[in-house]
């Protein structure tokens, strides 16, 4: 049963990597340092003081960069592969007591996939915001993504089933709203 919870923790953390790459890594490292989250052998470095300092700085820089016009769009262009890599790392780090033959495919498919999906949705939200508001709404979108990333990272560790369920619901709602918004906009242009 612990393996199932660890898989949900990994997927939850990986999905939040799609919103902000370093927030889940920082939260995971802190949880490991205080003894709340066990990491797989070979990933203990994530909970070390030097790594947490680096993740803290990287988190602050990443969050700030998303509030700078044009820089946020540049970050979005490289976010999918970077998010996928981070998703793979966080999933592999928390899935303990499993053969590497199973761990790595699971981390690549579930962790990398979850991070890529949320990154694509986040990119869609930013793209829609940029097109329809000239980028003026992007800081609000960025603030929302940062808040979601922090809350969902903490929830993924404390309540993994709740976090994954909320992420699925949130993704469905965002996709539906973006689709409706684009359909309305299309109808307005062609009527």
N, C-alpha and C. Protein backbone atom coordinates (compact mmCIF):
# COMPACT_ATOMS: atom_id res chain seq x y z
N UNK A 1 0.82 -1.20 0.00
CA UNK A 1 0.00 0.00 0.00
C UNK A 1 0.87 1.27 0.00
N UNK A 2 2.01 1.19 0.69
CA UNK A 2 2.90 2.35 0.73
C UNK A 2 3.40 2.70 -0.67
N UNK A 3 3.65 1.68 -1.47
CA UNK A 3 4.11 1.91 -2.84
C UNK A 3 3.08 2.71 -3.64
N UNK A 4 1.80 2.37 -3.46
CA UNK A 4 0.74 3.09 -4.18
C UNK A 4 0.71 4.56 -3.76
N UNK A 5 0.82 4.82 -2.45
CA UNK A 5 0.84 6.20 -1.98
C UNK A 5 2.06 6.94 -2.53
N UNK A 6 3.21 6.27 -2.55
CA UNK A 6 4.41 6.91 -3.09
C UNK A 6 4.26 7.22 -4.58
N UNK A 7 3.59 6.34 -5.30
CA UNK A 7 3.34 6.62 -6.72
C UNK A 7 2.45 7.84 -6.87
N UNK A 8 1.41 7.95 -6.04
CA UNK A 8 0.53 9.12 -6.09
C UNK A 8 1.28 10.39 -5.68
N UNK A 9 2.16 10.28 -4.68
CA UNK A 9 2.98 11.43 -4.30
C UNK A 9 3.84 11.86 -5.49
N UNK A 10 4.47 10.88 -6.13
CA UNK A 10 5.31 11.18 -7.28
C UNK A 10 4.55 11.83 -8.42
N UNK A 11 3.37 11.29 -8.73
CA UNK A 11 2.56 11.86 -9.81
C UNK A 11 2.08 13.26 -9.44
N UNK A 12 1.66 13.44 -8.18
CA UNK A 12 1.22 14.77 -7.74
C UNK A 12 2.33 15.80 -7.82
N UNK A 13 3.51 15.44 -7.33
CA UNK A 13 4.65 16.36 -7.41
C UNK A 13 5.06 16.61 -8.85
N UNK A 14 5.05 15.55 -9.65
CA UNK A 14 5.43 15.69 -11.06
C UNK A 14 4.47 16.63 -11.79
N UNK A 15 3.18 16.48 -11.53
CA UNK A 15 2.20 17.34 -12.20
C UNK A 15 2.43 18.81 -11.83
N UNK A 16 2.81 19.07 -10.58
CA UNK A 16 3.05 20.46 -10.20
C UNK A 16 4.31 21.02 -10.84
N UNK A 17 5.22 20.14 -11.26
CA UNK A 17 6.42 20.60 -11.99
C UNK A 17 6.02 21.28 -13.30
N UNK A 18 4.84 20.96 -13.82
CA UNK A 18 4.37 21.58 -15.05
C UNK A 18 3.99 23.04 -14.86
N UNK A 19 3.71 23.44 -13.61
CA UNK A 19 3.40 24.83 -13.32
C UNK A 19 4.67 25.61 -12.95
N UNK A 20 5.44 25.06 -12.03
CA UNK A 20 6.73 25.64 -11.63
C UNK A 20 7.68 24.47 -11.40
N UNK A 21 8.82 24.51 -12.03
CA UNK A 21 9.76 23.38 -11.99
C UNK A 21 10.37 23.18 -10.61
N UNK A 22 10.78 24.26 -9.96
CA UNK A 22 11.56 24.11 -8.74
C UNK A 22 10.75 24.08 -7.46
N UNK A 23 9.51 24.55 -7.46
CA UNK A 23 8.69 24.53 -6.25
C UNK A 23 8.52 23.11 -5.71
N UNK A 24 8.11 22.13 -6.53
CA UNK A 24 7.95 20.78 -5.99
C UNK A 24 9.26 20.17 -5.49
N UNK A 25 10.36 20.47 -6.18
CA UNK A 25 11.66 19.97 -5.73
C UNK A 25 12.03 20.55 -4.37
N UNK A 26 11.77 21.85 -4.18
CA UNK A 26 12.05 22.50 -2.90
C UNK A 26 11.16 21.93 -1.80
N UNK A 27 9.88 21.80 -2.05
CA UNK A 27 8.95 21.26 -1.05
C UNK A 27 9.33 19.82 -0.70
N UNK A 28 9.66 19.03 -1.71
CA UNK A 28 10.06 17.64 -1.49
C UNK A 28 11.34 17.59 -0.65
N UNK A 29 12.31 18.44 -0.95
CA UNK A 29 13.55 18.47 -0.19
C UNK A 29 13.33 18.85 1.26
N UNK A 30 12.46 19.84 1.49
CA UNK A 30 12.15 20.24 2.87
C UNK A 30 11.45 19.10 3.60
N UNK A 31 10.49 18.46 2.96
CA UNK A 31 9.78 17.34 3.58
C UNK A 31 10.74 16.20 3.92
N UNK A 32 11.72 15.97 3.08
CA UNK A 32 12.72 14.94 3.37
C UNK A 32 13.61 15.36 4.53
N UNK A 33 14.01 16.62 4.54
CA UNK A 33 14.90 17.10 5.58
C UNK A 33 14.26 17.01 6.97
N UNK A 34 12.97 17.30 7.06
CA UNK A 34 12.31 17.25 8.37
C UNK A 34 11.84 15.84 8.72
N UNK A 35 12.12 14.88 7.85
CA UNK A 35 11.81 13.49 8.14
C UNK A 35 10.41 13.05 7.78
N UNK A 36 9.70 13.86 7.02
CA UNK A 36 8.32 13.51 6.66
C UNK A 36 8.24 12.65 5.40
N UNK A 37 9.21 12.76 4.53
CA UNK A 37 9.17 12.06 3.25
C UNK A 37 10.47 11.30 3.03
N UNK A 38 10.35 10.01 2.81
CA UNK A 38 11.52 9.18 2.53
C UNK A 38 11.81 9.22 1.03
N UNK A 39 13.09 9.36 0.70
CA UNK A 39 13.49 9.36 -0.71
C UNK A 39 14.23 8.07 -1.03
N UNK A 40 14.18 7.69 -2.28
CA UNK A 40 14.89 6.50 -2.75
C UNK A 40 16.39 6.66 -2.56
N UNK A 41 17.09 5.54 -2.39
CA UNK A 41 18.55 5.62 -2.33
C UNK A 41 19.06 6.28 -3.62
N UNK A 42 20.02 7.12 -3.46
CA UNK A 42 20.56 7.84 -4.61
C UNK A 42 19.94 9.22 -4.79
N UNK A 43 18.86 9.50 -4.05
CA UNK A 43 18.20 10.81 -4.16
C UNK A 43 18.26 11.59 -2.84
N UNK A 44 19.07 11.13 -1.89
CA UNK A 44 19.18 11.82 -0.60
C UNK A 44 19.71 13.24 -0.77
N UNK A 45 20.45 13.49 -1.83
CA UNK A 45 20.99 14.82 -2.09
C UNK A 45 19.90 15.88 -2.19
N UNK A 46 18.68 15.48 -2.55
CA UNK A 46 17.58 16.44 -2.70
C UNK A 46 17.25 17.10 -1.37
N UNK A 47 17.44 16.37 -0.26
CA UNK A 47 17.13 16.92 1.06
C UNK A 47 18.32 17.50 1.79
N UNK A 48 19.43 17.73 1.10
CA UNK A 48 20.62 18.29 1.75
C UNK A 48 20.54 19.82 1.79
N UNK A 49 21.25 20.41 2.76
CA UNK A 49 21.24 21.86 2.89
C UNK A 49 21.72 22.58 1.63
N UNK A 50 22.85 22.18 1.05
CA UNK A 50 23.29 22.89 -0.17
C UNK A 50 22.26 22.83 -1.30
N UNK A 51 21.65 21.66 -1.47
CA UNK A 51 20.65 21.52 -2.53
C UNK A 51 19.42 22.37 -2.25
N UNK A 52 19.00 22.42 -0.98
CA UNK A 52 17.83 23.23 -0.63
C UNK A 52 18.10 24.71 -0.86
N UNK A 53 19.31 25.16 -0.58
CA UNK A 53 19.67 26.55 -0.86
C UNK A 53 19.59 26.82 -2.36
N UNK A 54 20.14 25.90 -3.15
CA UNK A 54 20.10 26.05 -4.61
C UNK A 54 18.65 26.03 -5.11
N UNK A 55 17.85 25.07 -4.61
CA UNK A 55 16.44 25.01 -5.02
C UNK A 55 15.68 26.26 -4.57
N UNK A 56 16.01 26.79 -3.39
CA UNK A 56 15.35 28.01 -2.91
C UNK A 56 15.64 29.19 -3.81
N UNK A 57 16.90 29.35 -4.19
CA UNK A 57 17.29 30.44 -5.09
C UNK A 57 16.64 30.24 -6.46
N UNK A 58 16.72 29.01 -6.97
CA UNK A 58 16.13 28.72 -8.29
C UNK A 58 14.62 28.96 -8.28
N UNK A 59 13.96 28.61 -7.18
CA UNK A 59 12.52 28.84 -7.06
C UNK A 59 12.21 30.33 -7.10
N UNK A 60 12.96 31.11 -6.32
CA UNK A 60 12.72 32.56 -6.28
C UNK A 60 12.96 33.19 -7.65
N UNK A 61 14.03 32.79 -8.33
CA UNK A 61 14.33 33.33 -9.66
C UNK A 61 13.24 32.93 -10.66
N UNK A 62 12.83 31.65 -10.61
CA UNK A 62 11.80 31.18 -11.54
C UNK A 62 10.48 31.93 -11.33
N UNK A 63 10.07 32.06 -10.08
CA UNK A 63 8.81 32.76 -9.79
C UNK A 63 8.89 34.21 -10.26
N UNK A 64 9.99 34.89 -9.93
CA UNK A 64 10.15 36.30 -10.34
C UNK A 64 10.18 36.43 -11.86
N UNK A 65 10.84 35.51 -12.54
CA UNK A 65 10.98 35.59 -14.00
C UNK A 65 9.63 35.51 -14.70
N UNK A 66 8.69 34.77 -14.13
CA UNK A 66 7.38 34.66 -14.76
C UNK A 66 6.56 35.95 -14.67
N UNK A 67 7.02 36.91 -13.88
CA UNK A 67 6.32 38.19 -13.79
C UNK A 67 6.96 39.26 -14.69
N UNK A 68 7.97 38.88 -15.43
CA UNK A 68 8.64 39.82 -16.34
C UNK A 68 8.13 39.56 -17.76
N UNK A 69 7.53 40.59 -18.40
CA UNK A 69 7.04 40.39 -19.76
C UNK A 69 8.14 39.89 -20.69
N UNK A 70 7.76 39.08 -21.62
CA UNK A 70 8.62 38.44 -22.61
C UNK A 70 9.48 37.33 -22.01
N UNK A 71 9.98 37.52 -20.79
CA UNK A 71 10.75 36.46 -20.14
C UNK A 71 9.82 35.29 -19.84
N UNK A 72 8.58 35.62 -19.42
CA UNK A 72 7.62 34.54 -19.14
C UNK A 72 7.34 33.72 -20.40
N UNK A 73 7.25 34.38 -21.53
CA UNK A 73 7.02 33.65 -22.79
C UNK A 73 8.24 32.82 -23.18
N UNK A 74 9.43 33.34 -22.93
CA UNK A 74 10.65 32.58 -23.20
C UNK A 74 10.70 31.33 -22.32
N UNK A 75 10.38 31.50 -21.05
CA UNK A 75 10.37 30.35 -20.14
C UNK A 75 9.35 29.30 -20.58
N UNK A 76 8.22 29.75 -21.07
CA UNK A 76 7.19 28.81 -21.51
C UNK A 76 7.67 27.99 -22.71
N UNK A 77 8.54 28.56 -23.54
CA UNK A 77 9.01 27.80 -24.71
C UNK A 77 9.92 26.65 -24.31
N UNK A 78 10.61 26.76 -23.19
CA UNK A 78 11.50 25.68 -22.76
C UNK A 78 10.94 24.86 -21.60
N UNK A 79 9.75 25.22 -21.15
CA UNK A 79 9.22 24.60 -19.93
C UNK A 79 8.82 23.13 -20.08
N UNK A 80 8.35 22.71 -21.24
CA UNK A 80 7.86 21.34 -21.36
C UNK A 80 8.97 20.31 -21.14
N UNK A 81 10.10 20.39 -21.84
CA UNK A 81 11.13 19.37 -21.58
C UNK A 81 11.73 19.47 -20.17
N UNK A 82 11.89 20.69 -19.67
CA UNK A 82 12.45 20.86 -18.33
C UNK A 82 11.48 20.32 -17.29
N UNK A 83 10.19 20.61 -17.46
CA UNK A 83 9.18 20.08 -16.54
C UNK A 83 9.14 18.57 -16.57
N UNK A 84 9.25 18.00 -17.76
CA UNK A 84 9.23 16.54 -17.89
C UNK A 84 10.41 15.92 -17.14
N UNK A 85 11.58 16.50 -17.29
CA UNK A 85 12.76 15.98 -16.58
C UNK A 85 12.57 16.09 -15.08
N UNK A 86 12.08 17.23 -14.60
CA UNK A 86 11.83 17.40 -13.17
C UNK A 86 10.77 16.41 -12.69
N UNK A 87 9.73 16.19 -13.49
CA UNK A 87 8.69 15.22 -13.14
C UNK A 87 9.24 13.81 -13.01
N UNK A 88 10.14 13.46 -13.91
CA UNK A 88 10.78 12.14 -13.85
C UNK A 88 11.61 12.02 -12.57
N UNK A 89 12.37 13.06 -12.25
CA UNK A 89 13.23 13.04 -11.06
C UNK A 89 12.41 12.93 -9.78
N UNK A 90 11.36 13.75 -9.64
CA UNK A 90 10.58 13.70 -8.39
C UNK A 90 9.86 12.36 -8.24
N UNK A 91 9.38 11.82 -9.32
CA UNK A 91 8.69 10.52 -9.24
C UNK A 91 9.68 9.42 -8.87
N UNK A 92 10.82 9.39 -9.52
CA UNK A 92 11.83 8.37 -9.21
C UNK A 92 12.33 8.52 -7.77
N UNK A 93 12.41 9.76 -7.29
CA UNK A 93 12.93 10.00 -5.94
C UNK A 93 12.01 9.48 -4.85
N UNK A 94 10.70 9.54 -5.06
CA UNK A 94 9.77 9.15 -3.99
C UNK A 94 9.29 7.71 -4.09
N UNK A 95 9.45 7.08 -5.24
CA UNK A 95 9.02 5.69 -5.39
C UNK A 95 10.14 4.80 -4.85
N UNK A 96 9.97 4.36 -3.61
CA UNK A 96 10.98 3.55 -2.93
C UNK A 96 10.60 2.07 -2.99
N UNK A 97 11.54 1.24 -2.64
CA UNK A 97 11.30 -0.21 -2.53
C UNK A 97 10.71 -0.83 -3.79
N UNK A 98 11.24 -0.45 -4.92
CA UNK A 98 10.80 -1.03 -6.19
C UNK A 98 12.04 -1.19 -7.08
N UNK A 99 12.03 -2.20 -7.87
CA UNK A 99 13.15 -2.48 -8.76
C UNK A 99 13.35 -1.32 -9.75
N UNK A 100 14.60 -0.97 -10.03
CA UNK A 100 14.86 0.08 -11.02
C UNK A 100 14.27 -0.25 -12.40
N UNK A 101 14.11 -1.53 -12.68
CA UNK A 101 13.52 -1.94 -13.95
C UNK A 101 12.07 -1.46 -14.05
N UNK A 102 11.39 -1.35 -12.92
CA UNK A 102 10.02 -0.83 -12.89
C UNK A 102 9.98 0.66 -12.57
N UNK A 103 10.91 1.11 -11.71
CA UNK A 103 10.89 2.50 -11.25
C UNK A 103 11.07 3.49 -12.40
N UNK A 104 12.07 3.26 -13.25
CA UNK A 104 12.38 4.25 -14.28
C UNK A 104 11.32 4.34 -15.37
N UNK A 105 10.79 3.23 -15.86
CA UNK A 105 9.67 3.38 -16.82
C UNK A 105 8.47 4.08 -16.19
N UNK A 106 8.18 3.75 -14.91
CA UNK A 106 7.08 4.41 -14.21
C UNK A 106 7.35 5.90 -14.09
N UNK A 107 8.57 6.26 -13.70
CA UNK A 107 8.92 7.68 -13.54
C UNK A 107 8.84 8.41 -14.87
N UNK A 108 9.32 7.77 -15.93
CA UNK A 108 9.32 8.42 -17.25
C UNK A 108 7.90 8.59 -17.77
N UNK A 109 7.10 7.52 -17.67
CA UNK A 109 5.74 7.58 -18.22
C UNK A 109 4.81 8.40 -17.34
N UNK A 110 4.73 8.05 -16.06
CA UNK A 110 3.78 8.73 -15.17
C UNK A 110 4.28 10.11 -14.76
N UNK A 111 5.52 10.19 -14.29
CA UNK A 111 6.06 11.47 -13.84
C UNK A 111 6.30 12.45 -14.97
N UNK A 112 7.02 11.99 -16.00
CA UNK A 112 7.27 12.86 -17.15
C UNK A 112 5.99 13.22 -17.88
N UNK A 113 5.08 12.26 -17.97
CA UNK A 113 3.79 12.51 -18.63
C UNK A 113 2.94 13.51 -17.88
N UNK A 114 2.85 13.36 -16.55
CA UNK A 114 2.04 14.29 -15.74
C UNK A 114 2.60 15.70 -15.83
N UNK A 115 3.92 15.83 -15.74
CA UNK A 115 4.54 17.16 -15.83
C UNK A 115 4.33 17.78 -17.20
N UNK A 116 4.45 16.96 -18.24
CA UNK A 116 4.26 17.47 -19.61
C UNK A 116 2.84 17.94 -19.85
N UNK A 117 1.87 17.18 -19.35
CA UNK A 117 0.46 17.56 -19.54
C UNK A 117 0.16 18.89 -18.85
N UNK A 118 0.58 19.03 -17.59
CA UNK A 118 0.30 20.30 -16.90
C UNK A 118 1.09 21.45 -17.52
N UNK A 119 2.28 21.18 -18.01
CA UNK A 119 3.05 22.23 -18.68
C UNK A 119 2.38 22.67 -19.97
N UNK A 120 1.86 21.72 -20.73
CA UNK A 120 1.12 22.06 -21.95
C UNK A 120 -0.11 22.90 -21.64
N UNK A 121 -0.83 22.53 -20.59
CA UNK A 121 -2.03 23.29 -20.21
C UNK A 121 -1.63 24.68 -19.73
N UNK A 122 -0.57 24.75 -18.95
CA UNK A 122 -0.08 26.05 -18.49
C UNK A 122 0.35 26.92 -19.68
N UNK A 123 1.04 26.31 -20.63
CA UNK A 123 1.43 27.05 -21.84
C UNK A 123 0.20 27.54 -22.60
N UNK A 124 -0.82 26.70 -22.67
CA UNK A 124 -2.07 27.10 -23.33
C UNK A 124 -2.72 28.28 -22.65
N UNK A 125 -2.72 28.25 -21.31
CA UNK A 125 -3.31 29.37 -20.56
C UNK A 125 -2.51 30.64 -20.79
N UNK A 126 -1.19 30.54 -20.77
CA UNK A 126 -0.35 31.72 -21.02
C UNK A 126 -0.52 32.22 -22.44
N UNK A 127 -0.56 31.30 -23.39
CA UNK A 127 -0.73 31.69 -24.79
C UNK A 127 -2.06 32.39 -25.02
N UNK A 128 -3.11 31.83 -24.45
CA UNK A 128 -4.44 32.44 -24.57
C UNK A 128 -4.44 33.82 -23.92
N UNK A 129 -3.83 33.92 -22.75
CA UNK A 129 -3.75 35.20 -22.04
C UNK A 129 -2.98 36.23 -22.86
N UNK A 130 -1.88 35.82 -23.46
CA UNK A 130 -1.07 36.74 -24.26
C UNK A 130 -1.83 37.21 -25.49
N UNK A 131 -2.48 36.28 -26.19
CA UNK A 131 -3.19 36.63 -27.42
C UNK A 131 -4.36 37.56 -27.14
N UNK A 132 -5.14 37.26 -26.12
CA UNK A 132 -6.38 38.00 -25.92
C UNK A 132 -6.25 39.20 -24.99
N UNK A 133 -5.14 39.32 -24.27
CA UNK A 133 -4.99 40.49 -23.39
C UNK A 133 -3.71 41.26 -23.69
N UNK A 134 -2.96 40.81 -24.69
CA UNK A 134 -1.70 41.47 -24.99
C UNK A 134 -0.66 41.25 -23.90
N UNK A 135 -0.89 40.24 -23.07
CA UNK A 135 0.05 39.91 -22.00
C UNK A 135 -0.22 40.61 -20.69
N UNK A 136 -1.25 41.47 -20.66
CA UNK A 136 -1.51 42.21 -19.42
C UNK A 136 -2.04 41.31 -18.30
N UNK A 137 -2.63 40.19 -18.66
CA UNK A 137 -3.19 39.27 -17.66
C UNK A 137 -2.15 38.21 -17.25
N UNK A 138 -1.04 38.13 -17.96
CA UNK A 138 -0.03 37.10 -17.68
C UNK A 138 0.46 37.10 -16.23
N UNK A 139 0.68 38.26 -15.59
CA UNK A 139 1.10 38.21 -14.19
C UNK A 139 0.05 37.55 -13.28
N UNK A 140 -1.22 37.73 -13.60
CA UNK A 140 -2.27 37.09 -12.80
C UNK A 140 -2.23 35.58 -13.02
N UNK A 141 -2.06 35.17 -14.27
CA UNK A 141 -1.94 33.75 -14.58
C UNK A 141 -0.71 33.17 -13.88
N UNK A 142 0.39 33.90 -13.91
CA UNK A 142 1.63 33.44 -13.26
C UNK A 142 1.45 33.31 -11.75
N UNK A 143 0.79 34.28 -11.15
CA UNK A 143 0.54 34.21 -9.70
C UNK A 143 -0.33 33.00 -9.36
N UNK A 144 -1.34 32.76 -10.17
CA UNK A 144 -2.21 31.60 -9.95
C UNK A 144 -1.45 30.29 -10.09
N UNK A 145 -0.60 30.20 -11.10
CA UNK A 145 0.20 28.98 -11.29
C UNK A 145 1.16 28.75 -10.13
N UNK A 146 1.77 29.82 -9.65
CA UNK A 146 2.68 29.70 -8.52
C UNK A 146 1.94 29.23 -7.28
N UNK A 147 0.80 29.83 -7.01
CA UNK A 147 -0.01 29.44 -5.86
C UNK A 147 -0.43 27.98 -5.96
N UNK A 148 -0.90 27.57 -7.12
CA UNK A 148 -1.31 26.18 -7.33
C UNK A 148 -0.12 25.25 -7.12
N UNK A 149 1.04 25.63 -7.62
CA UNK A 149 2.23 24.79 -7.49
C UNK A 149 2.61 24.59 -6.03
N UNK A 150 2.58 25.64 -5.24
CA UNK A 150 2.93 25.53 -3.82
C UNK A 150 1.90 24.68 -3.08
N UNK A 151 0.62 25.00 -3.25
CA UNK A 151 -0.43 24.26 -2.54
C UNK A 151 -0.45 22.80 -2.95
N UNK A 152 -0.38 22.54 -4.25
CA UNK A 152 -0.47 21.16 -4.72
C UNK A 152 0.78 20.36 -4.34
N UNK A 153 1.94 20.99 -4.26
CA UNK A 153 3.15 20.28 -3.83
C UNK A 153 3.01 19.82 -2.38
N UNK A 154 2.50 20.70 -1.55
CA UNK A 154 2.29 20.35 -0.14
C UNK A 154 1.21 19.27 -0.02
N UNK A 155 0.11 19.45 -0.74
CA UNK A 155 -0.97 18.45 -0.72
C UNK A 155 -0.50 17.10 -1.24
N UNK A 156 0.34 17.10 -2.27
CA UNK A 156 0.82 15.84 -2.84
C UNK A 156 1.59 15.02 -1.81
N UNK A 157 2.25 15.69 -0.90
CA UNK A 157 3.01 14.98 0.13
C UNK A 157 2.12 14.61 1.31
N UNK A 158 1.25 15.52 1.73
CA UNK A 158 0.39 15.25 2.90
C UNK A 158 -0.81 14.37 2.56
N UNK A 159 -1.46 14.65 1.44
CA UNK A 159 -2.68 13.94 1.03
C UNK A 159 -2.59 13.60 -0.45
N UNK A 160 -1.79 12.60 -0.82
CA UNK A 160 -1.53 12.34 -2.23
C UNK A 160 -2.77 12.01 -3.06
N UNK A 161 -3.72 11.27 -2.52
CA UNK A 161 -4.92 10.94 -3.30
C UNK A 161 -5.76 12.17 -3.57
N UNK A 162 -5.87 13.03 -2.58
CA UNK A 162 -6.62 14.28 -2.74
C UNK A 162 -5.93 15.16 -3.78
N UNK A 163 -4.61 15.27 -3.69
CA UNK A 163 -3.87 16.12 -4.63
C UNK A 163 -4.03 15.67 -6.07
N UNK A 164 -3.88 14.38 -6.31
CA UNK A 164 -4.01 13.87 -7.68
C UNK A 164 -5.44 14.07 -8.18
N UNK A 165 -6.42 13.83 -7.33
CA UNK A 165 -7.82 14.04 -7.72
C UNK A 165 -8.08 15.50 -8.06
N UNK A 166 -7.58 16.41 -7.23
CA UNK A 166 -7.76 17.84 -7.50
C UNK A 166 -7.05 18.25 -8.78
N UNK A 167 -5.88 17.71 -9.03
CA UNK A 167 -5.16 18.04 -10.27
C UNK A 167 -5.94 17.60 -11.50
N UNK A 168 -6.51 16.40 -11.44
CA UNK A 168 -7.30 15.91 -12.58
C UNK A 168 -8.51 16.82 -12.81
N UNK A 169 -9.21 17.17 -11.74
CA UNK A 169 -10.38 18.05 -11.85
C UNK A 169 -9.96 19.42 -12.38
N UNK A 170 -8.86 19.96 -11.84
CA UNK A 170 -8.39 21.27 -12.27
C UNK A 170 -8.01 21.27 -13.75
N UNK A 171 -7.33 20.23 -14.19
CA UNK A 171 -6.95 20.14 -15.60
C UNK A 171 -8.18 20.09 -16.48
N UNK A 172 -9.18 19.31 -16.08
CA UNK A 172 -10.41 19.22 -16.87
C UNK A 172 -11.11 20.58 -16.95
N UNK A 173 -11.18 21.29 -15.83
CA UNK A 173 -11.84 22.60 -15.80
C UNK A 173 -11.08 23.60 -16.68
N UNK A 174 -9.77 23.63 -16.56
CA UNK A 174 -8.97 24.57 -17.36
C UNK A 174 -9.12 24.29 -18.84
N UNK A 175 -9.02 23.03 -19.23
CA UNK A 175 -9.16 22.67 -20.64
C UNK A 175 -10.53 23.08 -21.16
N UNK A 176 -11.56 22.81 -20.39
CA UNK A 176 -12.92 23.15 -20.79
C UNK A 176 -13.09 24.67 -20.94
N UNK A 177 -12.55 25.43 -19.98
CA UNK A 177 -12.70 26.89 -20.04
C UNK A 177 -11.92 27.50 -21.20
N UNK A 178 -10.72 27.02 -21.43
CA UNK A 178 -9.93 27.53 -22.56
C UNK A 178 -10.64 27.21 -23.86
N UNK A 179 -11.16 26.01 -23.98
CA UNK A 179 -11.87 25.61 -25.20
C UNK A 179 -13.11 26.49 -25.41
N UNK A 180 -13.89 26.72 -24.36
CA UNK A 180 -15.08 27.59 -24.48
C UNK A 180 -14.69 29.00 -24.86
N UNK A 181 -13.64 29.51 -24.24
CA UNK A 181 -13.19 30.86 -24.52
C UNK A 181 -12.79 31.00 -25.98
N UNK A 182 -12.05 30.03 -26.48
CA UNK A 182 -11.63 30.06 -27.89
C UNK A 182 -12.82 29.93 -28.83
N UNK A 183 -13.78 29.09 -28.48
CA UNK A 183 -14.98 28.93 -29.32
C UNK A 183 -15.78 30.23 -29.36
N UNK A 184 -15.94 30.88 -28.21
CA UNK A 184 -16.66 32.16 -28.17
C UNK A 184 -15.94 33.21 -29.00
N UNK A 185 -14.66 33.24 -28.87
CA UNK A 185 -13.86 34.21 -29.61
C UNK A 185 -13.97 33.95 -31.12
N UNK A 186 -13.94 32.69 -31.51
CA UNK A 186 -14.07 32.31 -32.91
C UNK A 186 -15.44 32.72 -33.45
N UNK A 187 -16.49 32.49 -32.67
CA UNK A 187 -17.85 32.85 -33.10
C UNK A 187 -17.99 34.36 -33.24
N UNK A 188 -17.36 35.12 -32.34
CA UNK A 188 -17.43 36.57 -32.42
C UNK A 188 -16.75 37.10 -33.68
N UNK A 189 -15.65 36.49 -34.05
CA UNK A 189 -14.93 36.93 -35.24
C UNK A 189 -15.65 36.57 -36.53
N UNK A 190 -16.40 35.48 -36.52
CA UNK A 190 -17.03 34.98 -37.74
C UNK A 190 -18.54 35.20 -37.78
N UNK A 191 -19.04 36.12 -36.99
CA UNK A 191 -20.47 36.45 -37.08
C UNK A 191 -20.68 37.86 -37.50
